[in-house]
Amino acid sequence: MPRVPSDDESVASVRVTLARSGGTRRPCVRLPDDADLSGRVESGSCASLSLADGDLVRVVIDREEYHARVLADATGRLLRSASDNRRLAREPGEGENRLAEWLDANDREPGESVVLDVVVPGDLYGLRIPGTRAVYDADRGPRSSLSDIARDLDD
């Protein structure tokens, strides 16, 4: 299984902002629109995050792999939580919110930034505090999903 550090040239690092969305008091990760990426990519190259509303992705936080569902609101795409498995990620409110725990442990509030590392576009992402370094196990590529098939048909 290849290990990839966050400062590897194959990993795009994108500064993302924490925000509040909907009625929740918990901070969430606001994902930039693909058109807005050019000014946010700190290292690596990233044409797009390859994420759409409803996608399930793997997210590594402090060397632990979790699962997250990409959601959309009136402002754009976001990650509200990270769960221990794919089933919990599909069912909001079930299980522990590892993203919220990590943000609390690092005293991160809405308006502040974290870094989103694009390890395997569409499948594996990492979150870290700016200025820190992480190492990821890039063990598999993205899985095809119904949304991918629908996008292909639309093109």
N, C-alpha and C. Protein backbone atom coordinates (compact mmCIF):
# COMPACT_ATOMS: atom_id res chain seq x y z
N MET A 1 0.85 -1.17 0.00
CA MET A 1 0.00 0.00 0.00
C MET A 1 0.90 1.24 0.00
N PRO A 2 0.77 2.09 -1.03
CA PRO A 2 1.64 3.27 -1.09
C PRO A 2 1.29 4.30 -0.02
N ARG A 3 2.32 4.82 0.60
CA ARG A 3 2.14 5.90 1.58
C ARG A 3 2.52 7.20 0.90
N VAL A 4 1.65 8.20 1.03
CA VAL A 4 1.84 9.47 0.34
C VAL A 4 1.80 10.60 1.37
N PRO A 5 2.87 11.40 1.47
CA PRO A 5 2.86 12.54 2.40
C PRO A 5 2.08 13.71 1.82
N SER A 6 1.55 14.55 2.69
CA SER A 6 0.76 15.69 2.25
C SER A 6 1.56 16.68 1.41
N ASP A 7 2.89 16.67 1.53
CA ASP A 7 3.71 17.59 0.75
C ASP A 7 4.23 16.96 -0.54
N ASP A 8 3.72 15.77 -0.91
CA ASP A 8 4.08 15.13 -2.16
C ASP A 8 3.47 15.91 -3.33
N GLU A 9 4.17 15.97 -4.46
CA GLU A 9 3.67 16.73 -5.60
C GLU A 9 2.39 16.16 -6.18
N SER A 10 2.05 14.91 -5.87
CA SER A 10 0.81 14.32 -6.38
C SER A 10 -0.41 14.70 -5.55
N VAL A 11 -0.19 15.30 -4.38
CA VAL A 11 -1.28 15.69 -3.49
C VAL A 11 -1.53 17.19 -3.62
N ALA A 12 -2.76 17.54 -3.97
CA ALA A 12 -3.13 18.95 -4.00
C ALA A 12 -3.66 19.34 -2.62
N SER A 13 -3.14 20.42 -2.08
CA SER A 13 -3.57 20.90 -0.77
C SER A 13 -4.36 22.19 -0.96
N VAL A 14 -5.61 22.16 -0.49
CA VAL A 14 -6.54 23.27 -0.70
C VAL A 14 -6.95 23.84 0.65
N ARG A 15 -6.77 25.15 0.82
CA ARG A 15 -7.22 25.80 2.06
C ARG A 15 -8.73 25.96 1.98
N VAL A 16 -9.42 25.41 2.99
CA VAL A 16 -10.88 25.48 3.03
C VAL A 16 -11.31 26.18 4.32
N THR A 17 -12.49 26.76 4.27
CA THR A 17 -13.00 27.56 5.39
C THR A 17 -14.05 26.77 6.17
N LEU A 18 -14.04 26.97 7.47
CA LEU A 18 -15.07 26.38 8.32
C LEU A 18 -16.25 27.33 8.37
N ALA A 19 -17.45 26.77 8.35
CA ALA A 19 -18.67 27.58 8.35
C ALA A 19 -19.74 26.86 9.15
N ARG A 20 -20.86 27.52 9.32
CA ARG A 20 -22.05 26.89 9.87
C ARG A 20 -23.03 26.77 8.72
N SER A 21 -23.80 25.69 8.72
CA SER A 21 -24.77 25.48 7.66
C SER A 21 -26.07 24.99 8.25
N GLY A 22 -27.16 25.56 7.82
CA GLY A 22 -28.46 25.13 8.32
C GLY A 22 -28.64 25.46 9.78
N GLY A 23 -29.40 24.65 10.50
CA GLY A 23 -29.70 24.91 11.90
C GLY A 23 -28.66 24.38 12.87
N THR A 24 -27.63 23.73 12.37
CA THR A 24 -26.63 23.15 13.27
C THR A 24 -25.71 24.23 13.86
N ARG A 25 -25.32 24.01 15.09
CA ARG A 25 -24.37 24.92 15.75
C ARG A 25 -22.93 24.46 15.53
N ARG A 26 -22.76 23.26 15.00
CA ARG A 26 -21.43 22.69 14.76
C ARG A 26 -20.81 23.28 13.50
N PRO A 27 -19.50 23.51 13.53
CA PRO A 27 -18.84 23.96 12.30
C PRO A 27 -18.76 22.82 11.28
N CYS A 28 -18.74 23.18 10.02
CA CYS A 28 -18.58 22.21 8.94
C CYS A 28 -17.52 22.74 7.98
N VAL A 29 -17.04 21.88 7.10
CA VAL A 29 -16.01 22.26 6.14
C VAL A 29 -16.68 22.70 4.85
N ARG A 30 -16.49 23.95 4.47
CA ARG A 30 -17.05 24.49 3.23
C ARG A 30 -16.08 24.18 2.10
N LEU A 31 -16.52 23.45 1.10
CA LEU A 31 -15.68 23.10 -0.04
C LEU A 31 -15.81 24.16 -1.12
N PRO A 32 -14.71 24.62 -1.67
CA PRO A 32 -14.80 25.65 -2.71
C PRO A 32 -15.36 25.07 -4.01
N ASP A 33 -16.00 25.94 -4.79
CA ASP A 33 -16.42 25.53 -6.13
C ASP A 33 -15.17 25.24 -6.94
N ASP A 34 -15.29 24.34 -7.89
CA ASP A 34 -14.14 24.00 -8.72
C ASP A 34 -13.58 25.23 -9.42
N ALA A 35 -14.43 26.18 -9.77
CA ALA A 35 -13.97 27.40 -10.43
C ALA A 35 -13.13 28.27 -9.49
N ASP A 36 -13.33 28.13 -8.18
CA ASP A 36 -12.61 28.95 -7.19
C ASP A 36 -11.33 28.30 -6.70
N LEU A 37 -10.97 27.13 -7.20
CA LEU A 37 -9.82 26.41 -6.68
C LEU A 37 -8.49 27.08 -6.96
N SER A 38 -8.36 27.78 -8.08
CA SER A 38 -7.05 28.30 -8.48
C SER A 38 -6.39 29.16 -7.41
N GLY A 39 -7.13 29.94 -6.70
CA GLY A 39 -6.56 30.79 -5.66
C GLY A 39 -6.39 30.10 -4.32
N ARG A 40 -6.88 28.87 -4.18
CA ARG A 40 -6.85 28.18 -2.90
C ARG A 40 -5.87 27.02 -2.84
N VAL A 41 -5.38 26.55 -3.98
CA VAL A 41 -4.48 25.41 -4.01
C VAL A 41 -3.11 25.86 -3.53
N GLU A 42 -2.66 25.29 -2.40
CA GLU A 42 -1.38 25.68 -1.81
C GLU A 42 -0.21 24.91 -2.40
N SER A 43 -0.44 23.67 -2.79
CA SER A 43 0.61 22.84 -3.40
C SER A 43 -0.06 21.77 -4.24
N GLY A 44 0.72 21.13 -5.10
CA GLY A 44 0.18 20.12 -6.00
C GLY A 44 -0.66 20.78 -7.08
N SER A 45 -1.25 19.98 -7.92
CA SER A 45 -2.12 20.53 -8.95
C SER A 45 -3.50 19.91 -8.78
N CYS A 46 -4.51 20.71 -8.98
CA CYS A 46 -5.88 20.24 -8.74
C CYS A 46 -6.82 20.93 -9.71
N ALA A 47 -7.29 20.21 -10.71
CA ALA A 47 -8.23 20.78 -11.65
C ALA A 47 -9.63 20.84 -11.04
N SER A 48 -9.97 19.85 -10.20
CA SER A 48 -11.26 19.85 -9.52
C SER A 48 -11.18 18.92 -8.32
N LEU A 49 -12.11 19.10 -7.40
CA LEU A 49 -12.17 18.20 -6.25
C LEU A 49 -12.87 16.90 -6.61
N SER A 50 -13.56 16.87 -7.74
CA SER A 50 -14.30 15.69 -8.20
C SER A 50 -15.35 15.25 -7.18
N LEU A 51 -16.08 16.22 -6.63
CA LEU A 51 -17.09 15.93 -5.62
C LEU A 51 -18.43 16.53 -6.00
N ALA A 52 -19.50 15.77 -5.77
CA ALA A 52 -20.85 16.24 -6.03
C ALA A 52 -21.73 15.94 -4.82
N ASP A 53 -22.84 16.63 -4.73
CA ASP A 53 -23.81 16.42 -3.67
C ASP A 53 -24.19 14.94 -3.60
N GLY A 54 -24.07 14.35 -2.41
CA GLY A 54 -24.43 12.95 -2.21
C GLY A 54 -23.27 11.97 -2.29
N ASP A 55 -22.12 12.40 -2.81
CA ASP A 55 -20.97 11.50 -2.91
C ASP A 55 -20.52 11.06 -1.52
N LEU A 56 -20.10 9.81 -1.41
CA LEU A 56 -19.48 9.30 -0.19
C LEU A 56 -17.99 9.18 -0.44
N VAL A 57 -17.19 9.74 0.46
CA VAL A 57 -15.74 9.73 0.31
C VAL A 57 -15.09 9.28 1.60
N ARG A 58 -13.83 8.88 1.47
CA ARG A 58 -13.02 8.58 2.66
C ARG A 58 -12.28 9.85 3.04
N VAL A 59 -12.23 10.12 4.36
CA VAL A 59 -11.55 11.31 4.88
C VAL A 59 -10.61 10.87 6.00
N VAL A 60 -9.33 11.23 5.87
CA VAL A 60 -8.36 10.89 6.89
C VAL A 60 -8.15 12.11 7.79
N ILE A 61 -8.32 11.89 9.09
CA ILE A 61 -8.13 12.93 10.10
C ILE A 61 -7.23 12.34 11.18
N ASP A 62 -6.08 12.97 11.42
CA ASP A 62 -5.13 12.47 12.43
C ASP A 62 -4.84 10.98 12.26
N ARG A 63 -4.51 10.57 11.04
CA ARG A 63 -4.13 9.21 10.69
C ARG A 63 -5.25 8.18 10.78
N GLU A 64 -6.48 8.60 11.08
CA GLU A 64 -7.63 7.70 11.15
C GLU A 64 -8.52 7.93 9.93
N GLU A 65 -8.95 6.85 9.30
CA GLU A 65 -9.81 6.96 8.12
C GLU A 65 -11.28 6.90 8.52
N TYR A 66 -12.04 7.87 8.02
CA TYR A 66 -13.48 7.94 8.27
C TYR A 66 -14.19 8.05 6.92
N HIS A 67 -15.50 8.15 6.99
CA HIS A 67 -16.31 8.28 5.78
C HIS A 67 -17.19 9.51 5.93
N ALA A 68 -17.36 10.23 4.83
CA ALA A 68 -18.15 11.46 4.85
C ALA A 68 -19.03 11.53 3.62
N ARG A 69 -20.16 12.17 3.78
CA ARG A 69 -21.07 12.40 2.66
C ARG A 69 -20.99 13.87 2.29
N VAL A 70 -20.78 14.13 1.01
CA VAL A 70 -20.75 15.50 0.52
C VAL A 70 -22.20 15.98 0.43
N LEU A 71 -22.46 17.13 1.02
CA LEU A 71 -23.79 17.73 0.99
C LEU A 71 -23.72 19.07 0.29
N ALA A 72 -24.86 19.57 -0.13
CA ALA A 72 -24.91 20.89 -0.76
C ALA A 72 -26.01 21.71 -0.10
N ASP A 73 -25.75 23.00 0.05
CA ASP A 73 -26.77 23.93 0.52
C ASP A 73 -26.80 25.08 -0.48
N ALA A 74 -27.46 26.16 -0.14
CA ALA A 74 -27.60 27.28 -1.07
C ALA A 74 -26.26 27.93 -1.42
N THR A 75 -25.25 27.74 -0.57
CA THR A 75 -23.95 28.37 -0.78
C THR A 75 -22.97 27.48 -1.53
N GLY A 76 -23.16 26.16 -1.50
CA GLY A 76 -22.24 25.25 -2.18
C GLY A 76 -22.12 23.92 -1.47
N ARG A 77 -21.00 23.23 -1.73
CA ARG A 77 -20.75 21.90 -1.17
C ARG A 77 -20.08 21.99 0.20
N LEU A 78 -20.34 20.98 1.04
CA LEU A 78 -19.73 20.97 2.36
C LEU A 78 -19.67 19.57 2.94
N LEU A 79 -18.83 19.43 3.96
CA LEU A 79 -18.77 18.21 4.78
C LEU A 79 -19.23 18.60 6.17
N ARG A 80 -20.31 17.99 6.64
CA ARG A 80 -20.83 18.29 7.97
C ARG A 80 -20.32 17.33 9.02
N SER A 81 -19.94 16.13 8.59
CA SER A 81 -19.50 15.14 9.58
C SER A 81 -18.58 14.12 8.93
N ALA A 82 -17.91 13.37 9.78
CA ALA A 82 -17.09 12.23 9.37
C ALA A 82 -17.49 11.09 10.29
N SER A 83 -17.78 9.93 9.69
CA SER A 83 -18.31 8.79 10.44
C SER A 83 -17.35 7.61 10.39
N ASP A 84 -17.58 6.67 11.29
CA ASP A 84 -16.71 5.50 11.39
C ASP A 84 -16.84 4.53 10.22
N ASN A 85 -17.98 4.54 9.52
CA ASN A 85 -18.15 3.66 8.36
C ASN A 85 -19.11 4.29 7.35
N ARG A 86 -19.21 3.66 6.17
CA ARG A 86 -20.03 4.21 5.08
C ARG A 86 -21.51 4.25 5.45
N ARG A 87 -22.00 3.24 6.14
CA ARG A 87 -23.42 3.22 6.51
C ARG A 87 -23.77 4.40 7.39
N LEU A 88 -22.93 4.67 8.38
CA LEU A 88 -23.19 5.81 9.27
C LEU A 88 -23.09 7.14 8.52
N ALA A 89 -22.21 7.21 7.54
CA ALA A 89 -22.08 8.45 6.76
C ALA A 89 -23.34 8.72 5.94
N ARG A 90 -24.03 7.66 5.53
CA ARG A 90 -25.27 7.82 4.75
C ARG A 90 -26.46 8.20 5.62
N GLU A 91 -26.36 7.92 6.94
CA GLU A 91 -27.48 8.14 7.85
C GLU A 91 -27.13 9.24 8.85
N PRO A 92 -27.45 10.49 8.52
CA PRO A 92 -27.09 11.61 9.40
C PRO A 92 -27.67 11.44 10.81
N GLY A 93 -26.88 11.84 11.78
CA GLY A 93 -27.33 11.77 13.16
C GLY A 93 -27.00 10.47 13.86
N GLU A 94 -26.57 9.45 13.11
CA GLU A 94 -26.21 8.17 13.70
C GLU A 94 -24.71 8.17 13.97
N GLY A 95 -24.29 7.62 15.09
CA GLY A 95 -22.87 7.49 15.39
C GLY A 95 -22.22 8.80 15.80
N GLU A 96 -20.92 8.73 16.02
CA GLU A 96 -20.14 9.89 16.45
C GLU A 96 -19.73 10.73 15.24
N ASN A 97 -19.68 12.04 15.44
CA ASN A 97 -19.22 12.95 14.39
C ASN A 97 -17.74 13.23 14.65
N ARG A 98 -16.88 12.47 13.97
CA ARG A 98 -15.43 12.58 14.18
C ARG A 98 -14.88 13.91 13.67
N LEU A 99 -15.51 14.52 12.69
CA LEU A 99 -15.09 15.83 12.21
C LEU A 99 -15.30 16.87 13.30
N ALA A 100 -16.48 16.90 13.90
CA ALA A 100 -16.77 17.85 14.98
C ALA A 100 -15.84 17.65 16.17
N GLU A 101 -15.56 16.38 16.51
CA GLU A 101 -14.64 16.09 17.62
C GLU A 101 -13.26 16.66 17.32
N TRP A 102 -12.77 16.46 16.09
CA TRP A 102 -11.45 16.94 15.71
C TRP A 102 -11.39 18.47 15.72
N LEU A 103 -12.42 19.10 15.19
CA LEU A 103 -12.45 20.57 15.19
C LEU A 103 -12.48 21.11 16.62
N ASP A 104 -13.27 20.49 17.49
CA ASP A 104 -13.32 20.89 18.91
C ASP A 104 -11.96 20.71 19.58
N ALA A 105 -11.32 19.57 19.34
CA ALA A 105 -10.02 19.27 19.97
C ALA A 105 -8.94 20.26 19.51
N ASN A 106 -9.10 20.83 18.33
CA ASN A 106 -8.12 21.77 17.80
C ASN A 106 -8.60 23.22 17.88
N ASP A 107 -9.65 23.47 18.65
CA ASP A 107 -10.20 24.82 18.87
C ASP A 107 -10.45 25.56 17.55
N ARG A 108 -11.03 24.88 16.59
CA ARG A 108 -11.34 25.49 15.30
C ARG A 108 -12.79 25.95 15.29
N GLU A 109 -13.00 27.16 14.82
CA GLU A 109 -14.32 27.79 14.80
C GLU A 109 -14.67 28.21 13.38
N PRO A 110 -15.96 28.44 13.11
CA PRO A 110 -16.35 28.97 11.80
C PRO A 110 -15.58 30.26 11.49
N GLY A 111 -15.19 30.38 10.22
CA GLY A 111 -14.39 31.52 9.78
C GLY A 111 -12.91 31.19 9.71
N GLU A 112 -12.48 30.16 10.44
CA GLU A 112 -11.08 29.74 10.39
C GLU A 112 -10.88 28.74 9.26
N SER A 113 -9.61 28.43 8.97
CA SER A 113 -9.29 27.53 7.87
C SER A 113 -8.67 26.23 8.35
N VAL A 114 -8.83 25.19 7.53
CA VAL A 114 -8.10 23.95 7.63
C VAL A 114 -7.62 23.63 6.22
N VAL A 115 -6.79 22.62 6.09
CA VAL A 115 -6.29 22.23 4.77
C VAL A 115 -6.93 20.90 4.38
N LEU A 116 -7.47 20.86 3.16
CA LEU A 116 -8.01 19.66 2.57
C LEU A 116 -7.00 19.14 1.57
N ASP A 117 -6.48 17.94 1.80
CA ASP A 117 -5.54 17.32 0.87
C ASP A 117 -6.31 16.40 -0.06
N VAL A 118 -6.11 16.58 -1.36
CA VAL A 118 -6.75 15.73 -2.37
C VAL A 118 -5.75 14.62 -2.69
N VAL A 119 -5.95 13.45 -2.08
CA VAL A 119 -5.03 12.34 -2.24
C VAL A 119 -5.41 11.51 -3.47
N VAL A 120 -6.67 11.06 -3.53
CA VAL A 120 -7.23 10.36 -4.69
C VAL A 120 -8.54 11.06 -5.02
N PRO A 121 -8.56 11.92 -6.04
CA PRO A 121 -9.78 12.69 -6.35
C PRO A 121 -11.01 11.79 -6.47
N GLY A 122 -12.08 12.21 -5.81
CA GLY A 122 -13.32 11.46 -5.83
C GLY A 122 -13.40 10.32 -4.83
N ASP A 123 -12.30 10.05 -4.10
CA ASP A 123 -12.30 8.92 -3.17
C ASP A 123 -11.65 9.23 -1.83
N LEU A 124 -10.42 9.72 -1.82
CA LEU A 124 -9.67 9.87 -0.57
C LEU A 124 -9.16 11.30 -0.38
N TYR A 125 -9.54 11.88 0.75
CA TYR A 125 -9.14 13.24 1.10
C TYR A 125 -8.60 13.23 2.52
N GLY A 126 -7.80 14.22 2.84
CA GLY A 126 -7.28 14.35 4.20
C GLY A 126 -7.59 15.74 4.72
N LEU A 127 -7.79 15.86 6.01
CA LEU A 127 -7.96 17.16 6.66
C LEU A 127 -6.85 17.33 7.68
N ARG A 128 -6.27 18.53 7.71
CA ARG A 128 -5.22 18.81 8.68
C ARG A 128 -5.21 20.30 9.00
N ILE A 129 -4.56 20.61 10.10
CA ILE A 129 -4.39 22.00 10.53
C ILE A 129 -3.29 22.62 9.66
N PRO A 130 -3.48 23.86 9.18
CA PRO A 130 -2.43 24.50 8.38
C PRO A 130 -1.08 24.47 9.10
N GLY A 131 -0.02 24.16 8.34
CA GLY A 131 1.32 24.11 8.91
C GLY A 131 1.73 22.73 9.40
N THR A 132 0.79 21.80 9.47
CA THR A 132 1.14 20.44 9.87
C THR A 132 1.31 19.57 8.63
N ARG A 133 1.90 18.41 8.82
CA ARG A 133 2.14 17.47 7.72
C ARG A 133 1.43 16.16 8.06
N ALA A 134 0.93 15.48 7.04
CA ALA A 134 0.25 14.20 7.24
C ALA A 134 0.77 13.19 6.22
N VAL A 135 0.58 11.91 6.52
CA VAL A 135 0.93 10.84 5.59
C VAL A 135 -0.32 9.99 5.41
N TYR A 136 -0.63 9.67 4.15
CA TYR A 136 -1.85 8.94 3.81
C TYR A 136 -1.53 7.60 3.17
N ASP A 137 -2.38 6.61 3.43
CA ASP A 137 -2.32 5.32 2.75
C ASP A 137 -3.25 5.39 1.55
N ALA A 138 -2.67 5.54 0.37
CA ALA A 138 -3.46 5.65 -0.86
C ALA A 138 -3.65 4.27 -1.45
N ASP A 139 -4.56 3.49 -0.86
CA ASP A 139 -4.67 2.08 -1.19
C ASP A 139 -5.63 1.71 -2.30
N ARG A 140 -6.51 2.61 -2.71
CA ARG A 140 -7.40 2.28 -3.82
C ARG A 140 -7.94 3.55 -4.45
N GLY A 141 -8.42 3.40 -5.65
CA GLY A 141 -8.96 4.53 -6.39
C GLY A 141 -10.44 4.69 -6.14
N PRO A 142 -11.03 5.66 -6.80
CA PRO A 142 -12.46 5.92 -6.58
C PRO A 142 -13.33 4.78 -7.09
N ARG A 143 -14.44 4.58 -6.41
CA ARG A 143 -15.43 3.60 -6.84
C ARG A 143 -16.43 4.31 -7.75
N SER A 144 -16.88 3.63 -8.76
CA SER A 144 -17.93 4.19 -9.61
C SER A 144 -19.21 4.25 -8.80
N SER A 145 -19.95 5.29 -9.01
CA SER A 145 -21.23 5.41 -8.33
C SER A 145 -22.29 5.76 -9.36
N LEU A 146 -23.52 5.68 -8.95
CA LEU A 146 -24.61 6.03 -9.86
C LEU A 146 -24.50 7.48 -10.31
N SER A 147 -24.05 8.36 -9.42
CA SER A 147 -23.91 9.76 -9.82
C SER A 147 -22.84 9.93 -10.89
N ASP A 148 -21.75 9.13 -10.83
CA ASP A 148 -20.72 9.18 -11.87
C ASP A 148 -21.30 8.73 -13.20
N ILE A 149 -22.08 7.66 -13.18
CA ILE A 149 -22.68 7.15 -14.41
C ILE A 149 -23.64 8.19 -14.99
N ALA A 150 -24.45 8.80 -14.14
CA ALA A 150 -25.38 9.83 -14.61
C ALA A 150 -24.65 11.02 -15.21
N ARG A 151 -23.55 11.44 -14.59
CA ARG A 151 -22.78 12.55 -15.14
C ARG A 151 -22.20 12.20 -16.50
N ASP A 152 -21.72 10.96 -16.64
CA ASP A 152 -21.18 10.51 -17.92
C ASP A 152 -22.25 10.52 -19.00
N LEU A 153 -23.46 10.12 -18.66
CA LEU A 153 -24.56 10.10 -19.62
C LEU A 153 -24.97 11.51 -20.03
N ASP A 154 -24.89 12.46 -19.09
CA ASP A 154 -25.24 13.85 -19.39
C ASP A 154 -24.25 14.50 -20.34
N ASP A 155 -22.99 14.07 -20.29
CA ASP A 155 -21.96 14.65 -21.15
C ASP A 155 -22.11 14.13 -22.52
